[in-house]
Amino acid sequence: SCCTTPASSPPSPIRRWRGSSGSTPPGWRSAPWLPNLAHAPMEPLNCTIEPVAEGVVLHDACQFPALAHPTVAGILGLDPARVEIRTLYAGGSFGRRASPSSDYHVEAAQAFALTDRTRPVKLVWSREDDIRGGHYRPAAAHRVRIGLDASGGIVAWDHRVAGQSIFKGTAMEAFVVKEGIDHTSIEGIPDTPYAIPLMHVGLTDAEPSVTVLWWRSVGHSHTAFVMESMMDLAAAAAGQDPVAFRLKHLAGDGPDQVRLAATLRQA
């Protein structure tokens, strides 16, 4: 289940492996379950619709003005040319103001439409609105097993993820979801900079019970935590320093490997 953790302690995820290249290293372990998370920016969602002679001006720190623009125009029955968006700085957002449904713009436009349209209407969510009625980072459960050779090097990595897709069912699905896989659910795993000769990644989507949305760093907000936690466990199983262990698996000359290795050495 993506919403529970095992009652008993799982076996160690790390095993010395002497199998052939076509076999699978043993040893399952459930990594931490990562819950839904609210964005909780310093500044709750807000925007203002101001009437002007030519139409309206939407004052907002929106991240998707190309979606908010036709949404507001449609609700107010205006030609899109008569809707101007003035993008402002926001006190945080972390992806919450990039909503495919333009939900808070809809609220503001509907409120403005109920007036005589001669005065500005400002929408400000309360903190309770923000936490209880927001769009959340998807919950995710990971199960990982790793195979090590006699020298403590990683030779195989089997990684399963269960979570909820952000893009499936939205207008962006055709551009992001390929062969049924929403890559944002697993980004940072199959494209890890660590040199791992045999890697298998599995993904299971569950129907979300709440509205989900990208959180800053999107999939990396949970995959990076699990990947780096497993690297620490693998280093401990190999009896090696965790930094040296990582550098050993960043020995390639790819730009991501070079950049991450340099960062580790500097830190």
C-alpha atoms as a PDB file:
ATOM      1  CA  SER A   1       0.000   0.000   0.000  1.00  0.00           C
ATOM      2  CA  CYS A   2       1.197   3.523  -0.728  1.00  0.00           C
ATOM      3  CA  CYS A   3      -0.317   4.789   2.498  1.00  0.00           C
ATOM      4  CA  THR A   4       1.014   2.356   5.117  1.00  0.00           C
ATOM      5  CA  THR A   5       4.347   1.122   6.361  1.00  0.00           C
ATOM      6  CA  PRO A   6       5.104  -2.484   7.345  1.00  0.00           C
ATOM      7  CA  ALA A   7       4.436  -3.363  10.963  1.00  0.00           C
ATOM      8  CA  SER A   8       7.562  -5.495  11.232  1.00  0.00           C
ATOM      9  CA  SER A   9      11.113  -4.466  10.465  1.00  0.00           C
ATOM     10  CA  PRO A  10      12.025  -5.296   6.858  1.00  0.00           C
ATOM     11  CA  PRO A  11      15.179  -7.164   5.950  1.00  0.00           C
ATOM     12  CA  SER A  12      18.299  -5.213   5.100  1.00  0.00           C
ATOM     13  CA  PRO A  13      18.116  -3.734   1.593  1.00  0.00           C
ATOM     14  CA  ILE A  14      21.794  -4.355   0.911  1.00  0.00           C
ATOM     15  CA  ARG A  15      23.167  -7.718  -0.187  1.00  0.00           C
ATOM     16  CA  ARG A  16      26.513  -8.847  -1.471  1.00  0.00           C
ATOM     17  CA  TRP A  17      25.759 -10.178  -4.912  1.00  0.00           C
ATOM     18  CA  ARG A  18      27.576 -12.796  -6.909  1.00  0.00           C
ATOM     19  CA  GLY A  19      24.837 -13.540  -9.416  1.00  0.00           C
ATOM     20  CA  SER A  20      25.081 -13.342 -13.184  1.00  0.00           C
ATOM     21  CA  SER A  21      24.193 -10.151 -15.089  1.00  0.00           C
ATOM     22  CA  GLY A  22      20.749 -11.589 -15.818  1.00  0.00           C
ATOM     23  CA  SER A  23      19.852 -12.412 -12.221  1.00  0.00           C
ATOM     24  CA  THR A  24      18.449 -10.174  -9.518  1.00  0.00           C
ATOM     25  CA  PRO A  25      20.091  -9.352  -6.172  1.00  0.00           C
ATOM     26  CA  PRO A  26      18.011 -10.378  -3.135  1.00  0.00           C
ATOM     27  CA  GLY A  27      16.836  -8.254  -0.207  1.00  0.00           C
ATOM     28  CA  TRP A  28      13.731  -6.066  -0.179  1.00  0.00           C
ATOM     29  CA  ARG A  29      13.304  -3.105   2.107  1.00  0.00           C
ATOM     30  CA  SER A  30      10.559  -0.499   2.325  1.00  0.00           C
ATOM     31  CA  ALA A  31      12.022   2.987   2.254  1.00  0.00           C
ATOM     32  CA  PRO A  32      10.151   5.766   4.076  1.00  0.00           C
ATOM     33  CA  TRP A  33       6.661   6.602   2.943  1.00  0.00           C
ATOM     34  CA  LEU A  34       6.462  10.255   1.953  1.00  0.00           C
ATOM     35  CA  PRO A  35       3.081  11.904   2.603  1.00  0.00           C
ATOM     36  CA  ASN A  36       1.069  14.528   0.773  1.00  0.00           C
ATOM     37  CA  LEU A  37       2.496  17.963   1.527  1.00  0.00           C
ATOM     38  CA  ALA A  38       0.997  21.437   1.232  1.00  0.00           C
ATOM     39  CA  HIS A  39       3.023  24.202  -0.384  1.00  0.00           C
ATOM     40  CA  ALA A  40       2.414  26.538   2.607  1.00  0.00           C
ATOM     41  CA  PRO A  41       4.091  29.610   1.081  1.00  0.00           C
ATOM     42  CA  MET A  42       4.696  32.688   3.235  1.00  0.00           C
ATOM     43  CA  GLU A  43       2.055  34.530   1.179  1.00  0.00           C
ATOM     44  CA  PRO A  44      -1.240  32.628   0.742  1.00  0.00           C
ATOM     45  CA  LEU A  45      -2.890  32.603  -2.675  1.00  0.00           C
ATOM     46  CA  ASN A  46      -4.230  35.982  -3.723  1.00  0.00           C
ATOM     47  CA  CYS A  47      -4.924  38.113  -6.759  1.00  0.00           C
ATOM     48  CA  THR A  48      -6.802  41.276  -7.704  1.00  0.00           C
ATOM     49  CA  ILE A  49      -9.025  41.969 -10.691  1.00  0.00           C
ATOM     50  CA  GLU A  50      -9.176  45.675 -11.523  1.00  0.00           C
ATOM     51  CA  PRO A  51     -11.662  47.154 -13.996  1.00  0.00           C
ATOM     52  CA  VAL A  52     -10.226  49.519 -16.608  1.00  0.00           C
ATOM     53  CA  ALA A  53     -11.768  51.277 -19.586  1.00  0.00           C
ATOM     54  CA  GLU A  54     -10.617  48.599 -22.012  1.00  0.00           C
ATOM     55  CA  GLY A  55     -11.515  45.592 -19.842  1.00  0.00           C
ATOM     56  CA  VAL A  56      -9.770  44.271 -16.733  1.00  0.00           C
ATOM     57  CA  VAL A  57      -6.291  43.903 -15.314  1.00  0.00           C
ATOM     58  CA  LEU A  58      -5.382  40.813 -13.301  1.00  0.00           C
ATOM     59  CA  HIS A  59      -2.709  41.628 -10.731  1.00  0.00           C
ATOM     60  CA  ASP A  60      -1.140  38.321  -9.759  1.00  0.00           C
ATOM     61  CA  ALA A  61       2.130  36.478  -9.315  1.00  0.00           C
ATOM     62  CA  CYS A  62       0.842  33.623 -11.437  1.00  0.00           C
ATOM     63  CA  GLN A  63       3.267  31.123 -12.890  1.00  0.00           C
ATOM     64  CA  PHE A  64       0.966  30.148 -15.779  1.00  0.00           C
ATOM     65  CA  PRO A  65      -0.332  33.458 -17.169  1.00  0.00           C
ATOM     66  CA  ALA A  66      -1.057  31.721 -20.483  1.00  0.00           C
ATOM     67  CA  LEU A  67      -3.679  29.610 -18.655  1.00  0.00           C
ATOM     68  CA  ALA A  68      -5.012  32.290 -16.334  1.00  0.00           C
ATOM     69  CA  HIS A  69      -5.539  34.706 -19.230  1.00  0.00           C
ATOM     70  CA  PRO A  70      -8.168  32.727 -21.212  1.00  0.00           C
ATOM     71  CA  THR A  71      -9.752  31.476 -17.988  1.00  0.00           C
ATOM     72  CA  VAL A  72     -10.492  34.975 -16.695  1.00  0.00           C
ATOM     73  CA  ALA A  73     -11.578  36.173 -20.147  1.00  0.00           C
ATOM     74  CA  GLY A  74     -13.991  33.254 -20.540  1.00  0.00           C
ATOM     75  CA  ILE A  75     -15.646  33.706 -17.143  1.00  0.00           C
ATOM     76  CA  LEU A  76     -16.077  37.444 -17.658  1.00  0.00           C
ATOM     77  CA  GLY A  77     -17.221  37.070 -21.273  1.00  0.00           C
ATOM     78  CA  LEU A  78     -14.450  39.328 -22.527  1.00  0.00           C
ATOM     79  CA  ASP A  79     -12.292  39.229 -25.608  1.00  0.00           C
ATOM     80  CA  PRO A  80      -8.876  37.972 -24.402  1.00  0.00           C
ATOM     81  CA  ALA A  81      -7.347  41.160 -25.818  1.00  0.00           C
ATOM     82  CA  ARG A  82      -9.236  43.067 -23.097  1.00  0.00           C
ATOM     83  CA  VAL A  83      -7.641  41.086 -20.265  1.00  0.00           C
ATOM     84  CA  GLU A  84      -4.203  42.208 -19.141  1.00  0.00           C
ATOM     85  CA  ILE A  85      -2.062  40.302 -16.643  1.00  0.00           C
ATOM     86  CA  ARG A  86       0.457  42.197 -14.569  1.00  0.00           C
ATOM     87  CA  THR A  87       2.795  39.651 -13.033  1.00  0.00           C
ATOM     88  CA  LEU A  88       4.045  40.513  -9.545  1.00  0.00           C
ATOM     89  CA  TYR A  89       6.592  39.067  -7.169  1.00  0.00           C
ATOM     90  CA  ALA A  90       5.152  36.587  -4.679  1.00  0.00           C
ATOM     91  CA  GLY A  91       6.033  35.680  -1.137  1.00  0.00           C
ATOM     92  CA  GLY A  92       6.785  32.123  -2.162  1.00  0.00           C
ATOM     93  CA  SER A  93       4.722  29.772  -4.275  1.00  0.00           C
ATOM     94  CA  PHE A  94       6.822  26.666  -4.939  1.00  0.00           C
ATOM     95  CA  GLY A  95       4.614  25.633  -7.834  1.00  0.00           C
ATOM     96  CA  ARG A  96       1.218  26.313  -6.233  1.00  0.00           C
ATOM     97  CA  ARG A  97       0.545  29.313  -8.486  1.00  0.00           C
ATOM     98  CA  ALA A  98       1.079  27.115 -11.545  1.00  0.00           C
ATOM     99  CA  SER A  99      -2.269  25.338 -11.450  1.00  0.00           C
ATOM    100  CA  PRO A 100      -3.584  23.711 -14.666  1.00  0.00           C
ATOM    101  CA  SER A 101      -7.124  24.483 -13.450  1.00  0.00           C
ATOM    102  CA  SER A 102      -6.374  28.143 -12.577  1.00  0.00           C
ATOM    103  CA  ASP A 103      -8.488  27.476  -9.493  1.00  0.00           C
ATOM    104  CA  TYR A 104      -7.983  30.688  -7.576  1.00  0.00           C
ATOM    105  CA  HIS A 105      -8.273  32.796 -10.726  1.00  0.00           C
ATOM    106  CA  VAL A 106     -11.666  31.166 -11.280  1.00  0.00           C
ATOM    107  CA  GLU A 107     -12.725  32.166  -7.758  1.00  0.00           C
ATOM    108  CA  ALA A 108     -11.624  35.767  -8.268  1.00  0.00           C
ATOM    109  CA  ALA A 109     -13.238  36.061 -11.693  1.00  0.00           C
ATOM    110  CA  GLN A 110     -16.529  34.592 -10.476  1.00  0.00           C
ATOM    111  CA  ALA A 111     -16.596  37.018  -7.538  1.00  0.00           C
ATOM    112  CA  PHE A 112     -15.862  39.952  -9.854  1.00  0.00           C
ATOM    113  CA  ALA A 113     -18.583  38.818 -12.260  1.00  0.00           C
ATOM    114  CA  LEU A 114     -21.176  39.028  -9.457  1.00  0.00           C
ATOM    115  CA  THR A 115     -20.465  42.733  -8.886  1.00  0.00           C
ATOM    116  CA  ASP A 116     -21.314  45.730 -11.036  1.00  0.00           C
ATOM    117  CA  ARG A 117     -17.704  45.532 -12.315  1.00  0.00           C
ATOM    118  CA  THR A 118     -16.908  49.125 -11.367  1.00  0.00           C
ATOM    119  CA  ARG A 119     -14.625  48.323  -8.398  1.00  0.00           C
ATOM    120  CA  PRO A 120     -11.591  46.064  -7.960  1.00  0.00           C
ATOM    121  CA  VAL A 121     -12.083  42.704  -6.314  1.00  0.00           C
ATOM    122  CA  LYS A 122      -9.228  41.230  -4.292  1.00  0.00           C
ATOM    123  CA  LEU A 123      -9.140  37.546  -3.390  1.00  0.00           C
ATOM    124  CA  VAL A 124      -7.001  36.466  -0.426  1.00  0.00           C
ATOM    125  CA  TRP A 125      -7.023  32.896   0.842  1.00  0.00           C
ATOM    126  CA  SER A 126      -6.783  32.400   4.575  1.00  0.00           C
ATOM    127  CA  ARG A 127      -4.043  30.177   5.921  1.00  0.00           C
ATOM    128  CA  GLU A 128      -6.743  27.598   6.652  1.00  0.00           C
ATOM    129  CA  ASP A 129      -7.845  27.759   3.006  1.00  0.00           C
ATOM    130  CA  ASP A 130      -4.247  27.350   1.927  1.00  0.00           C
ATOM    131  CA  ILE A 131      -3.552  24.251   4.017  1.00  0.00           C
ATOM    132  CA  ARG A 132      -6.924  22.486   3.788  1.00  0.00           C
ATOM    133  CA  GLY A 133      -7.996  23.390   0.270  1.00  0.00           C
ATOM    134  CA  GLY A 134      -4.709  23.469  -1.559  1.00  0.00           C
ATOM    135  CA  HIS A 135      -3.150  21.189  -4.145  1.00  0.00           C
ATOM    136  CA  TYR A 136      -0.674  18.801  -2.575  1.00  0.00           C
ATOM    137  CA  ARG A 137       2.637  17.177  -3.383  1.00  0.00           C
ATOM    138  CA  PRO A 138       1.750  13.562  -4.228  1.00  0.00           C
ATOM    139  CA  ALA A 139       2.339  10.931  -1.581  1.00  0.00           C
ATOM    140  CA  ALA A 140       4.858   8.267  -2.590  1.00  0.00           C
ATOM    141  CA  ALA A 141       6.066   4.912  -1.309  1.00  0.00           C
ATOM    142  CA  HIS A 142       9.414   3.476  -2.424  1.00  0.00           C
ATOM    143  CA  ARG A 143      10.835  -0.033  -2.227  1.00  0.00           C
ATOM    144  CA  VAL A 144      14.479  -0.474  -3.125  1.00  0.00           C
ATOM    145  CA  ARG A 145      16.990  -3.303  -3.173  1.00  0.00           C
ATOM    146  CA  ILE A 146      20.654  -2.946  -4.029  1.00  0.00           C
ATOM    147  CA  GLY A 147      23.335  -5.456  -4.970  1.00  0.00           C
ATOM    148  CA  LEU A 148      27.001  -4.893  -4.051  1.00  0.00           C
ATOM    149  CA  ASP A 149      30.037  -6.679  -5.437  1.00  0.00           C
ATOM    150  CA  ALA A 150      32.948  -7.942  -3.334  1.00  0.00           C
ATOM    151  CA  SER A 151      34.638  -4.515  -3.416  1.00  0.00           C
ATOM    152  CA  GLY A 152      31.512  -2.715  -2.228  1.00  0.00           C
ATOM    153  CA  GLY A 153      30.541  -1.272  -5.592  1.00  0.00           C
ATOM    154  CA  ILE A 154      26.899  -1.091  -6.667  1.00  0.00           C
ATOM    155  CA  VAL A 155      26.158  -3.644  -9.378  1.00  0.00           C
ATOM    156  CA  ALA A 156      22.340  -3.581  -9.390  1.00  0.00           C
ATOM    157  CA  TRP A 157      19.547  -1.309  -8.186  1.00  0.00           C
ATOM    158  CA  ASP A 158      15.860  -2.343  -8.205  1.00  0.00           C
ATOM    159  CA  HIS A 159      13.557   0.580  -7.371  1.00  0.00           C
ATOM    160  CA  ARG A 160       9.737   0.535  -7.186  1.00  0.00           C
ATOM    161  CA  VAL A 161       7.579   3.613  -6.662  1.00  0.00           C
ATOM    162  CA  ALA A 162       3.856   3.879  -5.914  1.00  0.00           C
ATOM    163  CA  GLY A 163       2.285   7.317  -6.055  1.00  0.00           C
ATOM    164  CA  GLN A 164      -0.080   9.621  -7.927  1.00  0.00           C
ATOM    165  CA  SER A 165       0.490  11.220 -11.314  1.00  0.00           C
ATOM    166  CA  ILE A 166       0.450  15.000 -11.512  1.00  0.00           C
ATOM    167  CA  PHE A 167      -0.064  15.212 -15.258  1.00  0.00           C
ATOM    168  CA  LYS A 168      -2.456  12.382 -16.069  1.00  0.00           C
ATOM    169  CA  GLY A 169      -5.921  13.716 -16.720  1.00  0.00           C
ATOM    170  CA  THR A 170      -4.702  17.254 -17.465  1.00  0.00           C
ATOM    171  CA  ALA A 171      -4.249  19.113 -20.743  1.00  0.00           C
ATOM    172  CA  MET A 172      -0.500  18.529 -20.405  1.00  0.00           C
ATOM    173  CA  GLU A 173      -0.733  14.730 -20.349  1.00  0.00           C
ATOM    174  CA  ALA A 174      -0.025  14.345 -24.067  1.00  0.00           C
ATOM    175  CA  PHE A 175       3.213  16.298 -23.735  1.00  0.00           C
ATOM    176  CA  VAL A 176       4.574  14.804 -20.516  1.00  0.00           C
ATOM    177  CA  VAL A 177       3.225  11.258 -20.102  1.00  0.00           C
ATOM    178  CA  LYS A 178       4.985   8.806 -22.429  1.00  0.00           C
ATOM    179  CA  GLU A 179       3.910   5.167 -22.780  1.00  0.00           C
ATOM    180  CA  GLY A 180       1.773   5.578 -19.675  1.00  0.00           C
ATOM    181  CA  ILE A 181       4.664   6.831 -17.542  1.00  0.00           C
ATOM    182  CA  ASP A 182       4.574  10.231 -15.865  1.00  0.00           C
ATOM    183  CA  HIS A 183       8.308  10.829 -15.622  1.00  0.00           C
ATOM    184  CA  THR A 184       7.856  13.459 -12.926  1.00  0.00           C
ATOM    185  CA  SER A 185       6.878  10.623 -10.562  1.00  0.00           C
ATOM    186  CA  ILE A 186      10.285   8.957 -10.906  1.00  0.00           C
ATOM    187  CA  GLU A 187      12.648  11.708 -12.080  1.00  0.00           C
ATOM    188  CA  GLY A 188      16.019  11.450 -10.404  1.00  0.00           C
ATOM    189  CA  ILE A 189      15.932   7.641 -10.305  1.00  0.00           C
ATOM    190  CA  PRO A 190      16.440   6.298 -13.870  1.00  0.00           C
ATOM    191  CA  ASP A 191      18.433   9.422 -14.750  1.00  0.00           C
ATOM    192  CA  THR A 192      20.549   9.393 -11.589  1.00  0.00           C
ATOM    193  CA  PRO A 193      24.103  10.694 -12.081  1.00  0.00           C
ATOM    194  CA  TYR A 194      25.432   7.722 -10.115  1.00  0.00           C
ATOM    195  CA  ALA A 195      27.001   5.068 -12.331  1.00  0.00           C
ATOM    196  CA  ILE A 196      24.849   1.987 -11.752  1.00  0.00           C
ATOM    197  CA  PRO A 197      25.332  -0.792 -14.348  1.00  0.00           C
ATOM    198  CA  LEU A 198      21.998  -2.573 -13.841  1.00  0.00           C
ATOM    199  CA  MET A 199      18.950  -0.551 -12.826  1.00  0.00           C
ATOM    200  CA  HIS A 200      15.249  -1.397 -12.912  1.00  0.00           C
ATOM    201  CA  VAL A 201      12.583   1.188 -12.077  1.00  0.00           C
ATOM    202  CA  GLY A 202       8.910   0.322 -11.634  1.00  0.00           C
ATOM    203  CA  LEU A 203       6.028   2.762 -11.213  1.00  0.00           C
ATOM    204  CA  THR A 204       2.466   2.162 -10.029  1.00  0.00           C
ATOM    205  CA  ASP A 205      -0.033   5.019 -10.199  1.00  0.00           C
ATOM    206  CA  ALA A 206      -2.884   5.258  -7.707  1.00  0.00           C
ATOM    207  CA  GLU A 207      -5.953   7.423  -8.172  1.00  0.00           C
ATOM    208  CA  PRO A 208      -5.303  10.479  -5.961  1.00  0.00           C
ATOM    209  CA  SER A 209      -7.814  11.068  -3.179  1.00  0.00           C
ATOM    210  CA  VAL A 210      -6.872  14.753  -3.081  1.00  0.00           C
ATOM    211  CA  THR A 211      -5.859  17.194  -5.797  1.00  0.00           C
ATOM    212  CA  VAL A 212      -2.135  16.832  -6.472  1.00  0.00           C
ATOM    213  CA  LEU A 213       0.257  19.336  -7.964  1.00  0.00           C
ATOM    214  CA  TRP A 214       3.972  19.840  -8.391  1.00  0.00           C
ATOM    215  CA  TRP A 215       5.893  20.957  -5.343  1.00  0.00           C
ATOM    216  CA  ARG A 216       9.166  22.800  -5.848  1.00  0.00           C
ATOM    217  CA  SER A 217      11.593  20.317  -7.510  1.00  0.00           C
ATOM    218  CA  VAL A 218       8.553  18.137  -8.402  1.00  0.00           C
ATOM    219  CA  GLY A 219       9.532  14.433  -8.300  1.00  0.00           C
ATOM    220  CA  HIS A 220      12.955  15.139  -6.872  1.00  0.00           C
ATOM    221  CA  SER A 221      11.278  16.275  -3.643  1.00  0.00           C
ATOM    222  CA  HIS A 222      10.800  12.601  -2.742  1.00  0.00           C
ATOM    223  CA  THR A 223      13.114  10.665  -5.065  1.00  0.00           C
ATOM    224  CA  ALA A 224      16.256  12.568  -4.009  1.00  0.00           C
ATOM    225  CA  PHE A 225      15.571  11.816  -0.352  1.00  0.00           C
ATOM    226  CA  VAL A 226      15.168   8.109  -1.030  1.00  0.00           C
ATOM    227  CA  MET A 227      18.097   7.848  -3.451  1.00  0.00           C
ATOM    228  CA  GLU A 228      20.493   9.572  -1.055  1.00  0.00           C
ATOM    229  CA  SER A 229      19.207   7.629   1.946  1.00  0.00           C
ATOM    230  CA  MET A 230      19.837   4.385   0.062  1.00  0.00           C
ATOM    231  CA  MET A 231      23.333   5.570  -0.920  1.00  0.00           C
ATOM    232  CA  ASP A 232      24.059   6.083   2.784  1.00  0.00           C
ATOM    233  CA  LEU A 233      22.787   2.589   3.591  1.00  0.00           C
ATOM    234  CA  ALA A 234      24.819   1.095   0.747  1.00  0.00           C
ATOM    235  CA  ALA A 235      27.949   2.896   1.911  1.00  0.00           C
ATOM    236  CA  ALA A 236      27.437   1.598   5.450  1.00  0.00           C
ATOM    237  CA  ALA A 237      26.931  -1.955   4.159  1.00  0.00           C
ATOM    238  CA  ALA A 238      30.106  -1.644   2.096  1.00  0.00           C
ATOM    239  CA  GLY A 239      32.010  -0.309   5.111  1.00  0.00           C
ATOM    240  CA  GLN A 240      32.970   2.842   3.221  1.00  0.00           C
ATOM    241  CA  ASP A 241      32.865   6.557   3.895  1.00  0.00           C
ATOM    242  CA  PRO A 242      29.580   7.888   2.438  1.00  0.00           C
ATOM    243  CA  VAL A 243      31.274  10.735   0.555  1.00  0.00           C
ATOM    244  CA  ALA A 244      34.001   8.493  -0.857  1.00  0.00           C
ATOM    245  CA  PHE A 245      31.335   5.950  -1.777  1.00  0.00           C
ATOM    246  CA  ARG A 246      29.394   8.548  -3.727  1.00  0.00           C
ATOM    247  CA  LEU A 247      32.493   9.847  -5.486  1.00  0.00           C
ATOM    248  CA  LYS A 248      33.355   6.295  -6.534  1.00  0.00           C
ATOM    249  CA  HIS A 249      29.996   6.126  -8.304  1.00  0.00           C
ATOM    250  CA  LEU A 250      30.499   9.559  -9.902  1.00  0.00           C
ATOM    251  CA  ALA A 251      33.693   8.641 -11.698  1.00  0.00           C
ATOM    252  CA  GLY A 252      32.279   9.312 -15.174  1.00  0.00           C
ATOM    253  CA  ASP A 253      32.838  12.422 -17.257  1.00  0.00           C
ATOM    254  CA  GLY A 254      29.180  13.327 -17.814  1.00  0.00           C
ATOM    255  CA  PRO A 255      28.296  16.938 -16.947  1.00  0.00           C
ATOM    256  CA  ASP A 256      25.981  15.928 -14.097  1.00  0.00           C
ATOM    257  CA  GLN A 257      28.566  13.576 -12.639  1.00  0.00           C
ATOM    258  CA  VAL A 258      31.342  16.160 -12.869  1.00  0.00           C
ATOM    259  CA  ARG A 259      29.184  18.889 -11.322  1.00  0.00           C
ATOM    260  CA  LEU A 260      27.917  16.724  -8.452  1.00  0.00           C
ATOM    261  CA  ALA A 261      31.376  15.323  -7.710  1.00  0.00           C
ATOM    262  CA  ALA A 262      32.843  18.840  -7.608  1.00  0.00           C
ATOM    263  CA  THR A 263      30.067  19.953  -5.267  1.00  0.00           C
ATOM    264  CA  LEU A 264      30.721  17.038  -2.910  1.00  0.00           C
ATOM    265  CA  ARG A 265      34.441  17.783  -2.822  1.00  0.00           C
ATOM    266  CA  GLN A 266      33.800  21.465  -2.164  1.00  0.00           C
ATOM    267  CA  ALA A 267      31.327  20.727   0.614  1.00  0.00           C
END
